[in-house]
Amino acid sequence: MPHYTQIFARTNRPTQVLAALKGLDVYVFPHSPAGVVICEKTSEALDVRISIQVSKSISWNLGEGIAVLAIAGNDDISFWFGLFDGGKARFEHNRLTGPCGFAEKPARPVDIDVLCTYFGASASREEIYRLLTGPRSMRPVDLHAGLAHSLGLPSWSPGVGYSRITAGTVPPEAATPERPPRSLRELRPAVELSNDSGRSDSLARFRRACEDCWDR
């Protein structure tokens, strides 16, 4: 499994995240009851600080009270996992080594308590602690799978990143990721096309909702 990064926004509405992605080169998967999976291009550089910067920006744009998870897995046994709220880091677990220059920072029980408060009673603190402090031989994708199960994230999400999407190797159960408009300028031609083609009112309402996101 090659290096990959992934961002997960715990949003309630399908269009809620769109304004927070303005100007980013991303793929977005269809919204699930838990939230939305986002794969951003520049985050897949070897320096995880880029992933942190992008995740903080998305989190700040979404505002307080919405959890934004960021995951980075290397092609060996290295793994980084963070949570942001309102643009601020609330949780970090780091066992990613190499060119990033970070010191290892395994999560403590008190840190895991903070993480689980964002996911309610369904999150298993004991299981998450065992996953994050277990043997270093566990592959990042397997660790990600355990976290997805414990936190209620989409079961197909472990190992999925921007490069895997462009390579066409996304799991079929994930459905088709799409590129949201990166600016209002990109969105307007789509609005005009939908109006001219006589397509359903529901599509027009969706386009207007997207436009409203950027007008806020």
Protein backbone atom coordinates (compact mmCIF):
# COMPACT_ATOMS: atom_id res chain seq x y z
CA MET A 1 0.00 0.00 0.00
CA PRO A 2 1.62 3.30 -1.08
CA HIS A 3 1.61 6.51 0.90
CA TYR A 4 -1.87 8.02 1.15
CA THR A 5 -3.74 10.76 2.98
CA GLN A 6 -7.40 11.26 3.64
CA ILE A 7 -9.62 13.86 5.31
CA PHE A 8 -12.99 13.10 6.86
CA ALA A 9 -15.47 15.85 7.75
CA ARG A 10 -18.23 14.91 10.17
CA THR A 11 -20.90 17.02 8.51
CA ASN A 12 -24.66 16.57 8.66
CA ARG A 13 -25.66 17.78 5.18
CA PRO A 14 -24.27 16.75 1.76
CA THR A 15 -23.53 20.33 0.67
CA GLN A 16 -22.23 21.55 4.03
CA VAL A 17 -18.57 20.93 3.21
CA LEU A 18 -18.51 22.53 -0.25
CA ALA A 19 -17.69 26.08 0.82
CA ALA A 20 -14.82 24.79 2.98
CA LEU A 21 -13.16 23.23 -0.09
CA LYS A 22 -13.06 26.35 -2.22
CA GLY A 23 -9.78 26.59 -4.15
CA LEU A 24 -8.63 23.05 -3.28
CA ASP A 25 -7.92 20.25 -5.75
CA VAL A 26 -10.05 17.52 -4.18
CA TYR A 27 -12.24 14.53 -4.82
CA VAL A 28 -15.30 14.17 -2.61
CA PHE A 29 -17.19 10.92 -2.07
CA PRO A 30 -20.97 10.84 -1.70
CA HIS A 31 -22.10 11.91 1.76
CA SER A 32 -22.68 9.13 4.29
CA PRO A 33 -24.59 9.24 7.61
CA ALA A 34 -21.23 9.68 9.36
CA GLY A 35 -19.97 12.51 7.14
CA VAL A 36 -17.92 12.90 3.98
CA VAL A 37 -14.56 11.51 2.79
CA ILE A 38 -12.28 14.03 1.07
CA CYS A 39 -9.04 13.31 -0.80
CA GLU A 40 -6.85 16.35 -1.50
CA LYS A 41 -3.96 16.38 -3.98
CA THR A 42 -1.20 18.33 -2.20
CA SER A 43 -1.72 16.41 1.04
CA GLU A 44 -0.14 13.33 -0.51
CA ALA A 45 3.31 14.90 -0.42
CA LEU A 46 5.78 13.19 1.91
CA ASP A 47 5.55 16.06 4.41
CA VAL A 48 2.51 15.50 6.63
CA ARG A 49 2.59 19.18 7.60
CA ILE A 50 0.81 19.89 4.31
CA SER A 51 -2.01 17.57 5.33
CA ILE A 52 -2.22 19.35 8.68
CA GLN A 53 -2.38 22.75 7.01
CA VAL A 54 -5.11 21.69 4.58
CA SER A 55 -7.15 20.00 7.31
CA LYS A 56 -6.88 23.03 9.59
CA SER A 57 -8.08 25.26 6.76
CA ILE A 58 -11.10 23.04 6.03
CA SER A 59 -11.87 22.87 9.75
CA TRP A 60 -11.62 26.64 10.18
CA ASN A 61 -13.97 27.19 7.23
CA LEU A 62 -16.50 24.72 8.64
CA GLY A 63 -16.47 26.42 12.03
CA GLU A 64 -16.61 25.10 15.57
CA GLY A 65 -18.44 21.92 16.49
CA ILE A 66 -17.61 19.92 13.34
CA ALA A 67 -14.90 17.29 13.64
CA VAL A 68 -12.39 17.09 10.79
CA LEU A 69 -10.17 14.00 10.84
CA ALA A 70 -6.92 13.76 8.90
CA ILE A 71 -5.06 10.51 8.27
CA ALA A 72 -1.66 9.88 6.71
CA GLY A 73 -0.23 6.41 6.17
CA ASN A 74 3.20 5.64 4.79
CA ASP A 75 4.19 2.59 2.77
CA ASP A 76 5.83 0.95 5.78
CA ILE A 77 4.35 0.93 9.30
CA SER A 78 4.19 4.69 9.89
CA PHE A 79 0.87 6.36 10.68
CA TRP A 80 -0.39 9.84 11.61
CA PHE A 81 -3.89 10.70 12.76
CA GLY A 82 -5.28 14.07 13.87
CA LEU A 83 -8.57 15.78 14.67
CA PHE A 84 -9.39 19.47 14.19
CA ASP A 85 -12.32 21.59 15.30
CA GLY A 86 -12.73 25.24 14.35
CA GLY A 87 -9.24 25.24 12.85
CA LYS A 88 -7.60 24.06 16.06
CA ALA A 89 -5.92 20.72 16.73
CA ARG A 90 -7.84 18.71 19.33
CA PHE A 91 -6.15 15.32 19.00
CA GLU A 92 -2.96 13.93 17.50
CA HIS A 93 -1.37 10.51 17.28
CA ASN A 94 1.94 10.36 15.45
CA ARG A 95 4.04 7.38 14.54
CA LEU A 96 5.05 8.75 11.17
CA THR A 97 8.79 8.86 10.67
CA GLY A 98 11.08 9.96 7.87
CA PRO A 99 11.30 13.27 5.98
CA CYS A 100 8.54 14.90 8.06
CA GLY A 101 10.97 15.45 10.94
CA PHE A 102 8.29 14.90 13.57
CA ALA A 103 8.97 13.35 16.94
CA GLU A 104 6.78 10.37 17.73
CA LYS A 105 3.75 11.30 19.80
CA PRO A 106 1.54 8.31 20.61
CA ALA A 107 -1.90 9.26 21.90
CA ARG A 108 -2.52 9.07 25.64
CA PRO A 109 -5.78 7.82 27.22
CA VAL A 110 -6.79 11.42 27.98
CA ASP A 111 -6.27 12.32 24.30
CA ILE A 112 -8.44 9.41 23.21
CA ASP A 113 -11.18 10.60 25.57
CA VAL A 114 -11.19 13.91 23.68
CA LEU A 115 -11.34 12.11 20.33
CA CYS A 116 -14.28 9.96 21.39
CA THR A 117 -16.36 12.89 22.63
CA TYR A 118 -16.81 13.86 18.98
CA PHE A 119 -18.24 10.46 18.04
CA GLY A 120 -20.62 9.70 20.91
CA ALA A 121 -21.27 6.53 22.81
CA SER A 122 -20.62 4.29 19.80
CA ALA A 123 -16.88 5.02 19.93
CA SER A 124 -14.94 2.46 21.95
CA ARG A 125 -12.18 4.14 23.96
CA GLU A 126 -10.60 0.85 24.98
CA GLU A 127 -10.54 -0.50 21.44
CA ILE A 128 -9.05 2.71 20.03
CA TYR A 129 -6.36 2.79 22.72
CA ARG A 130 -5.38 -0.80 21.92
CA LEU A 131 -5.18 0.02 18.22
CA LEU A 132 -3.03 3.11 18.66
CA THR A 133 -0.67 1.66 21.25
CA GLY A 134 -0.48 -1.88 19.87
CA PRO A 135 2.36 -3.55 17.96
CA ARG A 136 4.26 -1.31 15.56
CA SER A 137 4.07 -4.06 12.94
CA MET A 138 0.44 -3.25 12.05
CA ARG A 139 0.07 -1.80 8.54
CA PRO A 140 -1.40 1.72 8.32
CA VAL A 141 -4.35 0.51 6.25
CA ASP A 142 -5.18 -2.12 8.91
CA LEU A 143 -4.91 0.44 11.68
CA HIS A 144 -7.13 2.78 9.66
CA ALA A 145 -9.66 -0.04 9.24
CA GLY A 146 -9.76 -0.59 12.99
CA LEU A 147 -10.32 3.11 13.62
CA ALA A 148 -13.05 3.23 10.97
CA HIS A 149 -14.85 0.40 12.74
CA SER A 150 -14.45 1.97 16.19
CA LEU A 151 -15.49 5.49 15.13
CA GLY A 152 -18.21 4.56 12.65
CA LEU A 153 -16.38 5.80 9.55
CA PRO A 154 -17.14 4.28 6.11
CA SER A 155 -15.81 0.72 6.03
CA TRP A 156 -14.38 1.16 2.51
CA SER A 157 -12.31 4.25 3.38
CA PRO A 158 -9.02 2.70 4.66
CA GLY A 159 -6.26 3.09 2.09
CA VAL A 160 -8.21 5.42 -0.19
CA GLY A 161 -6.37 8.59 -1.25
CA TYR A 162 -6.10 11.02 -4.14
CA SER A 163 -3.60 8.89 -6.08
CA ARG A 164 -5.73 5.79 -5.80
CA ILE A 165 -8.72 7.70 -7.17
CA THR A 166 -6.76 8.94 -10.20
CA ALA A 167 -5.50 5.39 -10.75
CA GLY A 168 -9.09 4.12 -10.88
CA THR A 169 -8.73 1.62 -8.02
CA VAL A 170 -11.46 2.89 -5.69
CA PRO A 171 -13.53 0.15 -3.99
CA PRO A 172 -16.88 -0.22 -5.81
CA GLU A 173 -18.83 0.14 -2.56
CA ALA A 174 -17.43 3.68 -2.18
CA ALA A 175 -19.48 4.90 -5.18
CA THR A 176 -18.00 7.51 -7.54
CA PRO A 177 -16.04 10.45 -6.10
CA GLU A 178 -16.52 13.81 -7.79
CA ARG A 179 -14.61 17.06 -8.10
CA PRO A 180 -16.67 19.87 -6.58
CA PRO A 181 -16.43 23.32 -8.20
CA ARG A 182 -13.26 25.07 -7.01
CA SER A 183 -14.79 28.52 -7.40
CA LEU A 184 -18.11 30.23 -8.01
CA ARG A 185 -16.92 30.90 -11.57
CA GLU A 186 -16.78 27.14 -12.21
CA LEU A 187 -20.19 26.65 -10.66
CA ARG A 188 -22.15 29.22 -12.69
CA PRO A 189 -21.83 27.52 -16.11
CA ALA A 190 -23.25 24.36 -14.55
CA VAL A 191 -26.17 26.35 -13.14
CA GLU A 192 -26.86 27.91 -16.54
CA LEU A 193 -26.64 24.53 -18.26
CA SER A 194 -29.10 22.97 -15.83
CA ASN A 195 -31.55 25.83 -16.38
CA ASP A 196 -31.35 25.57 -20.18
CA SER A 197 -31.61 21.81 -20.39
CA GLY A 198 -34.90 21.55 -18.50
CA ARG A 199 -33.50 19.06 -16.03
CA SER A 200 -35.16 18.41 -12.68
CA ASP A 201 -35.87 21.13 -10.13
CA SER A 202 -33.95 19.11 -7.53
CA LEU A 203 -30.70 19.58 -9.49
CA ALA A 204 -31.34 23.30 -9.77
CA ARG A 205 -31.96 23.50 -6.02
CA PHE A 206 -28.69 21.65 -5.39
CA ARG A 207 -26.77 24.10 -7.61
CA ARG A 208 -28.36 27.05 -5.81
CA ALA A 209 -27.40 25.54 -2.46
CA CYS A 210 -23.78 25.24 -3.65
CA GLU A 211 -23.84 28.84 -4.80
CA ASP A 212 -25.21 29.97 -1.45
CA CYS A 213 -22.25 28.27 0.29
CA TRP A 214 -19.77 30.57 -1.48
CA ASP A 215 -21.91 33.66 -0.96
CA ARG A 216 -21.78 33.30 2.85
